[in-house]
Amino acid sequence: MTTDIERWQPPNDPSAFESLCLDLWREIWHDPGAQKNGRSGQPQAGVDVFGQPQGKWAGVQSKQKDGLLRSKVTIKELEAQVEAAKEFKPPLANFILATTGPRDAKVQERARKLTEEHKQRGLFSVEVWSWEDIWDELYRRKDLLTRIAPDYWPRLIAASRSGGQRTVRLDRASGLLKLDVPVGDYVEIHHQGIVIRVSIEEIVEREFSFSATHSRRRGRGCHIKVSSGGGLFFCGDYCEKTDVNEFIVPTKEFSLDEPVSVYFFWTSGWHRFFRLFVEHINHNTGLVTLNAFLCHTEVTEERT
């Protein structure tokens, strides 16, 4: 999936959005010491969150907007916040206005012009981050999103975990499916009346052997159990079959050339290929990211 297909709504509480900005910019700045600026009601010099990326002071002003009304940051608001940020001590090198509202070309243009004006005066650069920009950054930081999602989207996370089961459809239009499955949980993949259930039994760290060269490499993987109403399963090199339709599969990072995969196939006029591999394992949260996709290749059946 991409952020154009999957985008969660921003927190609808200003304080929660400010906390989300702190969590995100701590990661972006690589500064665990980043903090909120004072408390509610105190003068904040236009800065809600501050930190020191690469030894230079940076600040974020968070503006929570009502997504239902599609309200957005205005040029006047941007200019007012930039003016206030000039009072922050020590002086900032970078100022970011983060908003839950949508992108606005005119506001972005004004931010660029302010940056150019500030260069001539030795002042900070100015950026505007819309919710699209913030979500893009969160979405690609999978470990961070997994850790903070229950705090900011508790109902969404609770619903996805309800009953310990999730169901997805895999068809030609689906392309590559990315599935996050906790250890001890499972996902059901439906394709043309066939149901393939994939369970994550445990995370392992061990040596994997490559049969063609008899070489061995150590890596992280997971124990996967797969079941369906028919068809044949097999796995590629470095993948170990432990029982009927059970495999220990290393992560995608283990093999630089091609991900180690489990395959499920059946023939009915068309040769249909279901492929599953482990993209990432978050050992701290126990969350396994799987990738699944379907291939079709026309074949001719020989008759005797």
C-alpha atoms as a PDB file:
ATOM      1  CA  MET A   1       0.000   0.000   0.000  1.00  0.00           C
ATOM      2  CA  THR A   2       0.970   3.652  -0.411  1.00  0.00           C
ATOM      3  CA  THR A   3      -0.002   6.752   1.546  1.00  0.00           C
ATOM      4  CA  ASP A   4      -2.284   7.731  -1.354  1.00  0.00           C
ATOM      5  CA  ILE A   5      -4.366   4.597  -0.695  1.00  0.00           C
ATOM      6  CA  GLU A   6      -4.126   4.405   3.095  1.00  0.00           C
ATOM      7  CA  ARG A   7      -4.204   7.605   5.135  1.00  0.00           C
ATOM      8  CA  TRP A   8      -5.525   7.857   8.676  1.00  0.00           C
ATOM      9  CA  GLN A   9      -7.291  10.955   9.945  1.00  0.00           C
ATOM     10  CA  PRO A  10      -5.279  13.311  12.185  1.00  0.00           C
ATOM     11  CA  PRO A  11      -6.000  13.538  15.919  1.00  0.00           C
ATOM     12  CA  ASN A  12      -9.004  15.794  16.527  1.00  0.00           C
ATOM     13  CA  ASP A  13      -7.599  17.262  19.743  1.00  0.00           C
ATOM     14  CA  PRO A  14      -4.970  20.074  19.663  1.00  0.00           C
ATOM     15  CA  SER A  15      -3.065  18.675  22.647  1.00  0.00           C
ATOM     16  CA  ALA A  16      -2.919  15.197  21.077  1.00  0.00           C
ATOM     17  CA  PHE A  17      -1.679  16.655  17.792  1.00  0.00           C
ATOM     18  CA  GLU A  18       1.051  18.569  19.644  1.00  0.00           C
ATOM     19  CA  SER A  19       2.132  15.331  21.357  1.00  0.00           C
ATOM     20  CA  LEU A  20       2.146  13.549  17.991  1.00  0.00           C
ATOM     21  CA  CYS A  21       4.406  16.279  16.593  1.00  0.00           C
ATOM     22  CA  LEU A  22       6.793  15.768  19.520  1.00  0.00           C
ATOM     23  CA  ASP A  23       6.934  12.004  18.892  1.00  0.00           C
ATOM     24  CA  LEU A  24       7.540  12.488  15.166  1.00  0.00           C
ATOM     25  CA  TRP A  25      10.149  15.240  15.312  1.00  0.00           C
ATOM     26  CA  ARG A  26      12.119  13.448  18.006  1.00  0.00           C
ATOM     27  CA  GLU A  27      12.598  10.781  15.330  1.00  0.00           C
ATOM     28  CA  ILE A  28      13.218  13.177  12.430  1.00  0.00           C
ATOM     29  CA  TRP A  29      15.739  15.211  14.415  1.00  0.00           C
ATOM     30  CA  HIS A  30      17.336  12.140  16.057  1.00  0.00           C
ATOM     31  CA  ASP A  31      16.983  14.061  19.302  1.00  0.00           C
ATOM     32  CA  PRO A  32      15.429  12.126  22.208  1.00  0.00           C
ATOM     33  CA  GLY A  33      15.824  15.292  24.283  1.00  0.00           C
ATOM     34  CA  ALA A  34      13.283  17.258  22.206  1.00  0.00           C
ATOM     35  CA  GLN A  35      10.540  18.727  24.416  1.00  0.00           C
ATOM     36  CA  LYS A  36       7.266  20.589  24.493  1.00  0.00           C
ATOM     37  CA  ASN A  37       7.714  24.294  25.121  1.00  0.00           C
ATOM     38  CA  GLY A  38       6.280  25.263  28.520  1.00  0.00           C
ATOM     39  CA  ARG A  39       2.656  24.538  29.345  1.00  0.00           C
ATOM     40  CA  SER A  40      -0.753  25.692  28.165  1.00  0.00           C
ATOM     41  CA  GLY A  41      -1.342  29.380  28.825  1.00  0.00           C
ATOM     42  CA  GLN A  42       2.341  30.340  28.981  1.00  0.00           C
ATOM     43  CA  PRO A  43       3.997  32.534  26.285  1.00  0.00           C
ATOM     44  CA  GLN A  44       5.696  30.142  23.869  1.00  0.00           C
ATOM     45  CA  ALA A  45       7.269  32.431  21.246  1.00  0.00           C
ATOM     46  CA  GLY A  46       5.448  30.637  18.453  1.00  0.00           C
ATOM     47  CA  VAL A  47       7.005  27.244  19.284  1.00  0.00           C
ATOM     48  CA  ASP A  48       5.202  24.205  20.729  1.00  0.00           C
ATOM     49  CA  VAL A  49       8.037  21.665  20.298  1.00  0.00           C
ATOM     50  CA  PHE A  50      11.776  22.330  20.204  1.00  0.00           C
ATOM     51  CA  GLY A  51      14.942  20.292  19.760  1.00  0.00           C
ATOM     52  CA  GLN A  52      18.511  20.356  18.472  1.00  0.00           C
ATOM     53  CA  PRO A  53      19.036  18.492  15.206  1.00  0.00           C
ATOM     54  CA  GLN A  54      22.768  18.502  14.439  1.00  0.00           C
ATOM     55  CA  GLY A  55      23.402  20.979  17.233  1.00  0.00           C
ATOM     56  CA  LYS A  56      21.133  23.741  15.861  1.00  0.00           C
ATOM     57  CA  TRP A  57      17.856  24.807  17.464  1.00  0.00           C
ATOM     58  CA  ALA A  58      14.639  23.975  15.615  1.00  0.00           C
ATOM     59  CA  GLY A  59      11.018  24.566  16.531  1.00  0.00           C
ATOM     60  CA  VAL A  60       7.594  23.268  15.538  1.00  0.00           C
ATOM     61  CA  GLN A  61       4.309  25.123  15.907  1.00  0.00           C
ATOM     62  CA  SER A  62       1.356  22.699  15.723  1.00  0.00           C
ATOM     63  CA  LYS A  63      -1.942  23.914  14.273  1.00  0.00           C
ATOM     64  CA  GLN A  64      -4.808  21.442  14.646  1.00  0.00           C
ATOM     65  CA  LYS A  65      -7.534  22.172  12.094  1.00  0.00           C
ATOM     66  CA  ASP A  66     -11.019  20.658  11.786  1.00  0.00           C
ATOM     67  CA  GLY A  67     -10.642  18.117   8.977  1.00  0.00           C
ATOM     68  CA  LEU A  68     -14.407  17.956   8.439  1.00  0.00           C
ATOM     69  CA  LEU A  69     -14.495  21.642   7.585  1.00  0.00           C
ATOM     70  CA  ARG A  70     -11.300  21.329   5.513  1.00  0.00           C
ATOM     71  CA  SER A  71     -10.024  24.479   7.224  1.00  0.00           C
ATOM     72  CA  LYS A  72      -6.454  25.307   6.429  1.00  0.00           C
ATOM     73  CA  VAL A  73      -3.586  27.500   7.550  1.00  0.00           C
ATOM     74  CA  THR A  74      -3.653  30.965   5.983  1.00  0.00           C
ATOM     75  CA  ILE A  75      -0.764  33.163   4.889  1.00  0.00           C
ATOM     76  CA  LYS A  76      -1.669  35.584   7.675  1.00  0.00           C
ATOM     77  CA  GLU A  77      -1.426  32.780  10.290  1.00  0.00           C
ATOM     78  CA  LEU A  78       1.930  31.667   8.901  1.00  0.00           C
ATOM     79  CA  GLU A  79       3.335  35.189   9.007  1.00  0.00           C
ATOM     80  CA  ALA A  80       2.086  35.694  12.572  1.00  0.00           C
ATOM     81  CA  GLN A  81       3.678  32.465  13.793  1.00  0.00           C
ATOM     82  CA  VAL A  82       6.957  33.232  12.019  1.00  0.00           C
ATOM     83  CA  GLU A  83       7.046  36.659  13.647  1.00  0.00           C
ATOM     84  CA  ALA A  84       6.409  35.119  17.082  1.00  0.00           C
ATOM     85  CA  ALA A  85       9.158  32.506  16.544  1.00  0.00           C
ATOM     86  CA  LYS A  86      11.718  35.290  16.197  1.00  0.00           C
ATOM     87  CA  GLU A  87      11.384  35.748  19.973  1.00  0.00           C
ATOM     88  CA  PHE A  88      12.439  32.170  20.758  1.00  0.00           C
ATOM     89  CA  LYS A  89      15.733  31.938  22.669  1.00  0.00           C
ATOM     90  CA  PRO A  90      18.312  30.778  21.671  1.00  0.00           C
ATOM     91  CA  PRO A  91      17.560  31.784  18.056  1.00  0.00           C
ATOM     92  CA  LEU A  92      16.122  29.092  15.794  1.00  0.00           C
ATOM     93  CA  ALA A  93      17.828  27.745  12.672  1.00  0.00           C
ATOM     94  CA  ASN A  94      14.626  26.144  11.362  1.00  0.00           C
ATOM     95  CA  PHE A  95      10.928  26.780  12.001  1.00  0.00           C
ATOM     96  CA  ILE A  96       8.137  24.394  10.988  1.00  0.00           C
ATOM     97  CA  LEU A  97       4.419  25.104  10.996  1.00  0.00           C
ATOM     98  CA  ALA A  98       2.744  21.682  11.235  1.00  0.00           C
ATOM     99  CA  THR A  99      -0.970  21.511  10.484  1.00  0.00           C
ATOM    100  CA  THR A 100      -3.685  18.879  10.247  1.00  0.00           C
ATOM    101  CA  GLY A 101      -5.102  20.854   7.332  1.00  0.00           C
ATOM    102  CA  PRO A 102      -4.453  20.227   3.612  1.00  0.00           C
ATOM    103  CA  ARG A 103      -1.580  21.537   1.520  1.00  0.00           C
ATOM    104  CA  ASP A 104      -1.948  25.023   0.107  1.00  0.00           C
ATOM    105  CA  ALA A 105       0.290  26.188  -2.752  1.00  0.00           C
ATOM    106  CA  LYS A 106       0.107  29.874  -1.809  1.00  0.00           C
ATOM    107  CA  VAL A 107       1.080  29.185   1.805  1.00  0.00           C
ATOM    108  CA  GLN A 108       3.969  26.986   0.636  1.00  0.00           C
ATOM    109  CA  GLU A 109       5.115  29.756  -1.708  1.00  0.00           C
ATOM    110  CA  ARG A 110       5.028  32.297   1.116  1.00  0.00           C
ATOM    111  CA  ALA A 111       7.119  29.945   3.289  1.00  0.00           C
ATOM    112  CA  ARG A 112       9.755  29.703   0.548  1.00  0.00           C
ATOM    113  CA  LYS A 113       9.845  33.488   0.139  1.00  0.00           C
ATOM    114  CA  LEU A 114      10.173  33.996   3.893  1.00  0.00           C
ATOM    115  CA  THR A 115      13.111  31.574   3.905  1.00  0.00           C
ATOM    116  CA  GLU A 116      14.846  33.573   1.174  1.00  0.00           C
ATOM    117  CA  GLU A 117      14.194  36.854   3.017  1.00  0.00           C
ATOM    118  CA  HIS A 118      15.530  35.357   6.244  1.00  0.00           C
ATOM    119  CA  LYS A 119      18.749  34.176   4.562  1.00  0.00           C
ATOM    120  CA  GLN A 120      19.631  37.800   3.852  1.00  0.00           C
ATOM    121  CA  ARG A 121      19.097  38.643   7.538  1.00  0.00           C
ATOM    122  CA  GLY A 122      20.668  35.554   9.117  1.00  0.00           C
ATOM    123  CA  LEU A 123      17.320  34.224  10.362  1.00  0.00           C
ATOM    124  CA  PHE A 124      15.728  30.759  10.340  1.00  0.00           C
ATOM    125  CA  SER A 125      14.304  28.812   7.412  1.00  0.00           C
ATOM    126  CA  VAL A 126      10.521  28.345   7.253  1.00  0.00           C
ATOM    127  CA  GLU A 127       8.594  25.170   6.350  1.00  0.00           C
ATOM    128  CA  VAL A 128       4.909  24.249   6.300  1.00  0.00           C
ATOM    129  CA  TRP A 129       3.944  20.598   6.825  1.00  0.00           C
ATOM    130  CA  SER A 130       0.368  19.597   5.970  1.00  0.00           C
ATOM    131  CA  TRP A 131      -1.255  16.425   7.285  1.00  0.00           C
ATOM    132  CA  GLU A 132      -0.351  14.718   3.978  1.00  0.00           C
ATOM    133  CA  ASP A 133       3.324  15.492   4.631  1.00  0.00           C
ATOM    134  CA  ILE A 134       3.135  14.414   8.275  1.00  0.00           C
ATOM    135  CA  TRP A 135       1.347  11.160   7.410  1.00  0.00           C
ATOM    136  CA  ASP A 136       3.899  10.365   4.663  1.00  0.00           C
ATOM    137  CA  GLU A 137       6.660  10.695   7.245  1.00  0.00           C
ATOM    138  CA  LEU A 138       4.811   8.605   9.845  1.00  0.00           C
ATOM    139  CA  TYR A 139       3.881   5.909   7.323  1.00  0.00           C
ATOM    140  CA  ARG A 140       7.449   5.218   6.287  1.00  0.00           C
ATOM    141  CA  ARG A 141       8.600   5.104   9.918  1.00  0.00           C
ATOM    142  CA  LYS A 142       6.891   1.800  10.609  1.00  0.00           C
ATOM    143  CA  ASP A 143       8.367   1.157  14.061  1.00  0.00           C
ATOM    144  CA  LEU A 144       7.347   4.608  15.267  1.00  0.00           C
ATOM    145  CA  LEU A 145       3.818   4.332  13.875  1.00  0.00           C
ATOM    146  CA  THR A 146       3.348   0.889  15.429  1.00  0.00           C
ATOM    147  CA  ARG A 147       4.472   2.214  18.807  1.00  0.00           C
ATOM    148  CA  ILE A 148       2.357   5.379  18.928  1.00  0.00           C
ATOM    149  CA  ALA A 149      -0.764   4.327  16.988  1.00  0.00           C
ATOM    150  CA  PRO A 150      -2.626   2.974  20.064  1.00  0.00           C
ATOM    151  CA  ASP A 151      -2.169   6.370  21.755  1.00  0.00           C
ATOM    152  CA  TYR A 152      -3.581   8.503  18.936  1.00  0.00           C
ATOM    153  CA  TRP A 153      -5.931   6.102  17.124  1.00  0.00           C
ATOM    154  CA  PRO A 154      -7.087   3.703  19.901  1.00  0.00           C
ATOM    155  CA  ARG A 155     -10.433   2.798  18.310  1.00  0.00           C
ATOM    156  CA  LEU A 156      -8.873   2.093  14.929  1.00  0.00           C
ATOM    157  CA  ILE A 157      -6.225  -0.161  16.460  1.00  0.00           C
ATOM    158  CA  ALA A 158      -8.748  -1.896  18.720  1.00  0.00           C
ATOM    159  CA  ALA A 159     -10.999  -2.589  15.733  1.00  0.00           C
ATOM    160  CA  SER A 160      -8.128  -4.042  13.686  1.00  0.00           C
ATOM    161  CA  ARG A 161      -7.254  -6.415  16.539  1.00  0.00           C
ATOM    162  CA  SER A 162     -10.818  -7.396  17.385  1.00  0.00           C
ATOM    163  CA  GLY A 163     -11.216 -11.153  17.455  1.00  0.00           C
ATOM    164  CA  GLY A 164      -7.564 -11.764  16.567  1.00  0.00           C
ATOM    165  CA  GLN A 165      -8.409 -11.983  12.872  1.00  0.00           C
ATOM    166  CA  ARG A 166      -8.205  -9.894   9.730  1.00  0.00           C
ATOM    167  CA  THR A 167      -9.433 -10.711   6.224  1.00  0.00           C
ATOM    168  CA  VAL A 168      -8.103  -9.342   2.937  1.00  0.00           C
ATOM    169  CA  ARG A 169      -8.811 -10.025  -0.721  1.00  0.00           C
ATOM    170  CA  LEU A 170      -6.014 -10.880  -3.133  1.00  0.00           C
ATOM    171  CA  ASP A 171      -6.791 -10.490  -6.810  1.00  0.00           C
ATOM    172  CA  ARG A 172      -5.159  -9.260  -9.978  1.00  0.00           C
ATOM    173  CA  ALA A 173      -5.967  -5.657  -9.145  1.00  0.00           C
ATOM    174  CA  SER A 174      -4.517  -5.886  -5.637  1.00  0.00           C
ATOM    175  CA  GLY A 175      -0.867  -6.014  -6.667  1.00  0.00           C
ATOM    176  CA  LEU A 176       1.435  -6.230  -3.681  1.00  0.00           C
ATOM    177  CA  LEU A 177      -0.366  -6.482  -0.343  1.00  0.00           C
ATOM    178  CA  LYS A 178       1.416  -5.381   2.823  1.00  0.00           C
ATOM    179  CA  LEU A 179       0.068  -7.087   5.944  1.00  0.00           C
ATOM    180  CA  ASP A 180       1.048  -6.367   9.566  1.00  0.00           C
ATOM    181  CA  VAL A 181       0.398  -9.438  11.716  1.00  0.00           C
ATOM    182  CA  PRO A 182       1.253  -9.714  15.446  1.00  0.00           C
ATOM    183  CA  VAL A 183       2.962 -12.872  16.698  1.00  0.00           C
ATOM    184  CA  GLY A 184       0.289 -15.366  17.745  1.00  0.00           C
ATOM    185  CA  ASP A 185      -2.225 -13.812  15.341  1.00  0.00           C
ATOM    186  CA  TYR A 186      -3.214 -14.617  11.772  1.00  0.00           C
ATOM    187  CA  VAL A 187      -4.610 -13.144   8.579  1.00  0.00           C
ATOM    188  CA  GLU A 188      -6.940 -14.758   6.029  1.00  0.00           C
ATOM    189  CA  ILE A 189      -6.295 -14.058   2.343  1.00  0.00           C
ATOM    190  CA  HIS A 190      -9.258 -14.679   0.031  1.00  0.00           C
ATOM    191  CA  HIS A 191      -8.875 -15.356  -3.700  1.00  0.00           C
ATOM    192  CA  GLN A 192     -11.699 -16.633  -5.951  1.00  0.00           C
ATOM    193  CA  GLY A 193     -13.314 -18.800  -3.291  1.00  0.00           C
ATOM    194  CA  ILE A 194     -10.004 -20.024  -1.856  1.00  0.00           C
ATOM    195  CA  VAL A 195      -9.059 -18.994   1.683  1.00  0.00           C
ATOM    196  CA  ILE A 196      -5.406 -19.037   2.686  1.00  0.00           C
ATOM    197  CA  ARG A 197      -4.774 -18.578   6.390  1.00  0.00           C
ATOM    198  CA  VAL A 198      -1.316 -17.369   7.434  1.00  0.00           C
ATOM    199  CA  SER A 199      -0.384 -17.605  11.124  1.00  0.00           C
ATOM    200  CA  ILE A 200       2.707 -16.110  12.753  1.00  0.00           C
ATOM    201  CA  GLU A 201       3.798 -18.624  15.380  1.00  0.00           C
ATOM    202  CA  GLU A 202       7.008 -17.051  16.675  1.00  0.00           C
ATOM    203  CA  ILE A 203      10.023 -14.885  15.843  1.00  0.00           C
ATOM    204  CA  VAL A 204      13.351 -16.713  15.612  1.00  0.00           C
ATOM    205  CA  GLU A 205      17.026 -15.831  15.251  1.00  0.00           C
ATOM    206  CA  ARG A 206      19.121 -18.657  13.847  1.00  0.00           C
ATOM    207  CA  GLU A 207      21.361 -19.939  11.050  1.00  0.00           C
ATOM    208  CA  PHE A 208      19.752 -20.556   7.671  1.00  0.00           C
ATOM    209  CA  SER A 209      21.323 -22.916   5.132  1.00  0.00           C
ATOM    210  CA  PHE A 210      21.516 -22.522   1.352  1.00  0.00           C
ATOM    211  CA  SER A 211      21.249 -25.972  -0.218  1.00  0.00           C
ATOM    212  CA  ALA A 212      22.919 -25.135  -3.554  1.00  0.00           C
ATOM    213  CA  THR A 213      26.230 -24.074  -1.976  1.00  0.00           C
ATOM    214  CA  HIS A 214      25.850 -25.693   1.462  1.00  0.00           C
ATOM    215  CA  SER A 215      26.554 -22.275   2.983  1.00  0.00           C
ATOM    216  CA  ARG A 216      25.001 -21.014   6.198  1.00  0.00           C
ATOM    217  CA  ARG A 217      24.077 -17.510   7.296  1.00  0.00           C
ATOM    218  CA  ARG A 218      22.675 -16.191  10.537  1.00  0.00           C
ATOM    219  CA  GLY A 219      19.600 -13.987  10.464  1.00  0.00           C
ATOM    220  CA  ARG A 220      16.185 -13.186  11.906  1.00  0.00           C
ATOM    221  CA  GLY A 221      13.029 -14.836  10.673  1.00  0.00           C
ATOM    222  CA  CYS A 222       9.669 -16.138  11.771  1.00  0.00           C
ATOM    223  CA  HIS A 223       7.828 -19.413  12.046  1.00  0.00           C
ATOM    224  CA  ILE A 224       4.860 -19.297   9.648  1.00  0.00           C
ATOM    225  CA  LYS A 225       1.976 -21.760   9.449  1.00  0.00           C
ATOM    226  CA  VAL A 226      -0.110 -21.733   6.257  1.00  0.00           C
ATOM    227  CA  SER A 227      -3.376 -23.559   5.633  1.00  0.00           C
ATOM    228  CA  SER A 228      -5.914 -23.631   2.793  1.00  0.00           C
ATOM    229  CA  GLY A 229      -8.546 -25.788   1.127  1.00  0.00           C
ATOM    230  CA  GLY A 230      -6.143 -27.143  -1.486  1.00  0.00           C
ATOM    231  CA  GLY A 231      -3.089 -26.475  -3.599  1.00  0.00           C
ATOM    232  CA  LEU A 232       0.590 -27.015  -2.981  1.00  0.00           C
ATOM    233  CA  PHE A 233       3.012 -25.093  -0.788  1.00  0.00           C
ATOM    234  CA  PHE A 234       6.766 -24.974  -1.078  1.00  0.00           C
ATOM    235  CA  CYS A 235       9.523 -22.576  -0.038  1.00  0.00           C
ATOM    236  CA  GLY A 236      12.694 -21.188  -1.584  1.00  0.00           C
ATOM    237  CA  ASP A 237      16.327 -21.445  -0.525  1.00  0.00           C
ATOM    238  CA  TYR A 238      17.259 -20.426   3.021  1.00  0.00           C
ATOM    239  CA  CYS A 239      13.689 -21.303   3.995  1.00  0.00           C
ATOM    240  CA  GLU A 240      13.171 -24.377   6.189  1.00  0.00           C
ATOM    241  CA  LYS A 241      10.076 -26.562   6.119  1.00  0.00           C
ATOM    242  CA  THR A 242       9.383 -27.777   9.653  1.00  0.00           C
ATOM    243  CA  ASP A 243       6.061 -29.571   9.179  1.00  0.00           C
ATOM    244  CA  VAL A 244       3.169 -29.848   6.733  1.00  0.00           C
ATOM    245  CA  ASN A 245       2.677 -26.279   5.469  1.00  0.00           C
ATOM    246  CA  GLU A 246       4.903 -24.865   8.209  1.00  0.00           C
ATOM    247  CA  PHE A 247       8.063 -22.891   7.430  1.00  0.00           C
ATOM    248  CA  ILE A 248      10.756 -20.813   9.076  1.00  0.00           C
ATOM    249  CA  VAL A 249      11.347 -17.871   6.764  1.00  0.00           C
ATOM    250  CA  PRO A 250      14.080 -15.214   7.082  1.00  0.00           C
ATOM    251  CA  THR A 251      13.285 -11.560   6.470  1.00  0.00           C
ATOM    252  CA  LYS A 252      13.637  -9.761   3.153  1.00  0.00           C
ATOM    253  CA  GLU A 253      16.836  -8.075   4.418  1.00  0.00           C
ATOM    254  CA  PHE A 254      18.465 -11.514   4.705  1.00  0.00           C
ATOM    255  CA  SER A 255      18.769 -11.934   0.919  1.00  0.00           C
ATOM    256  CA  LEU A 256      19.930  -8.959  -1.157  1.00  0.00           C
ATOM    257  CA  ASP A 257      19.014 -10.464  -4.535  1.00  0.00           C
ATOM    258  CA  GLU A 258      15.512 -11.839  -4.013  1.00  0.00           C
ATOM    259  CA  PRO A 259      13.306 -12.161  -0.919  1.00  0.00           C
ATOM    260  CA  VAL A 260      13.031 -15.658   0.541  1.00  0.00           C
ATOM    261  CA  SER A 261       9.451 -16.707  -0.217  1.00  0.00           C
ATOM    262  CA  VAL A 262       6.782 -19.269   0.494  1.00  0.00           C
ATOM    263  CA  TYR A 263       4.799 -20.210  -2.625  1.00  0.00           C
ATOM    264  CA  PHE A 264       1.285 -21.553  -3.018  1.00  0.00           C
ATOM    265  CA  PHE A 265       0.116 -22.616  -6.469  1.00  0.00           C
ATOM    266  CA  TRP A 266      -2.697 -24.397  -8.258  1.00  0.00           C
ATOM    267  CA  THR A 267      -3.589 -24.948 -11.945  1.00  0.00           C
ATOM    268  CA  SER A 268      -6.950 -24.426 -13.589  1.00  0.00           C
ATOM    269  CA  GLY A 269      -6.448 -23.289 -17.164  1.00  0.00           C
ATOM    270  CA  TRP A 270      -4.236 -20.566 -15.765  1.00  0.00           C
ATOM    271  CA  HIS A 271      -1.222 -21.168 -13.556  1.00  0.00           C
ATOM    272  CA  ARG A 272      -1.884 -18.980 -10.544  1.00  0.00           C
ATOM    273  CA  PHE A 273       0.943 -18.140  -8.239  1.00  0.00           C
ATOM    274  CA  PHE A 274       0.598 -16.858  -4.682  1.00  0.00           C
ATOM    275  CA  ARG A 275       3.855 -15.652  -3.143  1.00  0.00           C
ATOM    276  CA  LEU A 276       4.464 -14.614   0.450  1.00  0.00           C
ATOM    277  CA  PHE A 277       7.599 -13.180   2.056  1.00  0.00           C
ATOM    278  CA  VAL A 278       8.602 -11.480   5.310  1.00  0.00           C
ATOM    279  CA  GLU A 279       9.489  -7.829   4.758  1.00  0.00           C
ATOM    280  CA  HIS A 280      10.257  -6.777   8.306  1.00  0.00           C
ATOM    281  CA  ILE A 281      10.145  -7.952  11.920  1.00  0.00           C
ATOM    282  CA  ASN A 282       9.765  -5.555  14.835  1.00  0.00           C
ATOM    283  CA  HIS A 283      11.155  -7.609  17.694  1.00  0.00           C
ATOM    284  CA  ASN A 284      10.131  -5.029  20.336  1.00  0.00           C
ATOM    285  CA  THR A 285       6.444  -4.954  19.388  1.00  0.00           C
ATOM    286  CA  GLY A 286       6.187  -8.520  18.053  1.00  0.00           C
ATOM    287  CA  LEU A 287       4.767  -7.256  14.759  1.00  0.00           C
ATOM    288  CA  VAL A 288       5.626  -9.026  11.495  1.00  0.00           C
ATOM    289  CA  THR A 289       5.176  -7.270   8.148  1.00  0.00           C
ATOM    290  CA  LEU A 290       4.321  -9.692   5.341  1.00  0.00           C
ATOM    291  CA  ASN A 291       4.147  -9.015   1.604  1.00  0.00           C
ATOM    292  CA  ALA A 292       1.842 -11.090  -0.579  1.00  0.00           C
ATOM    293  CA  PHE A 293       1.121 -10.962  -4.292  1.00  0.00           C
ATOM    294  CA  LEU A 294      -0.492 -13.009  -7.034  1.00  0.00           C
ATOM    295  CA  CYS A 295       0.937 -13.846 -10.465  1.00  0.00           C
ATOM    296  CA  HIS A 296      -0.914 -15.313 -13.460  1.00  0.00           C
ATOM    297  CA  THR A 297       0.834 -17.246 -16.236  1.00  0.00           C
ATOM    298  CA  GLU A 298      -1.125 -19.033 -18.958  1.00  0.00           C
ATOM    299  CA  VAL A 299      -0.086 -22.680 -19.398  1.00  0.00           C
ATOM    300  CA  THR A 300      -1.021 -25.490 -21.743  1.00  0.00           C
ATOM    301  CA  GLU A 301      -2.107 -28.700 -20.083  1.00  0.00           C
ATOM    302  CA  GLU A 302      -0.681 -31.823 -21.722  1.00  0.00           C
ATOM    303  CA  ARG A 303      -3.156 -34.647 -22.366  1.00  0.00           C
ATOM    304  CA  THR A 304      -2.247 -38.320 -22.897  1.00  0.00           C
END
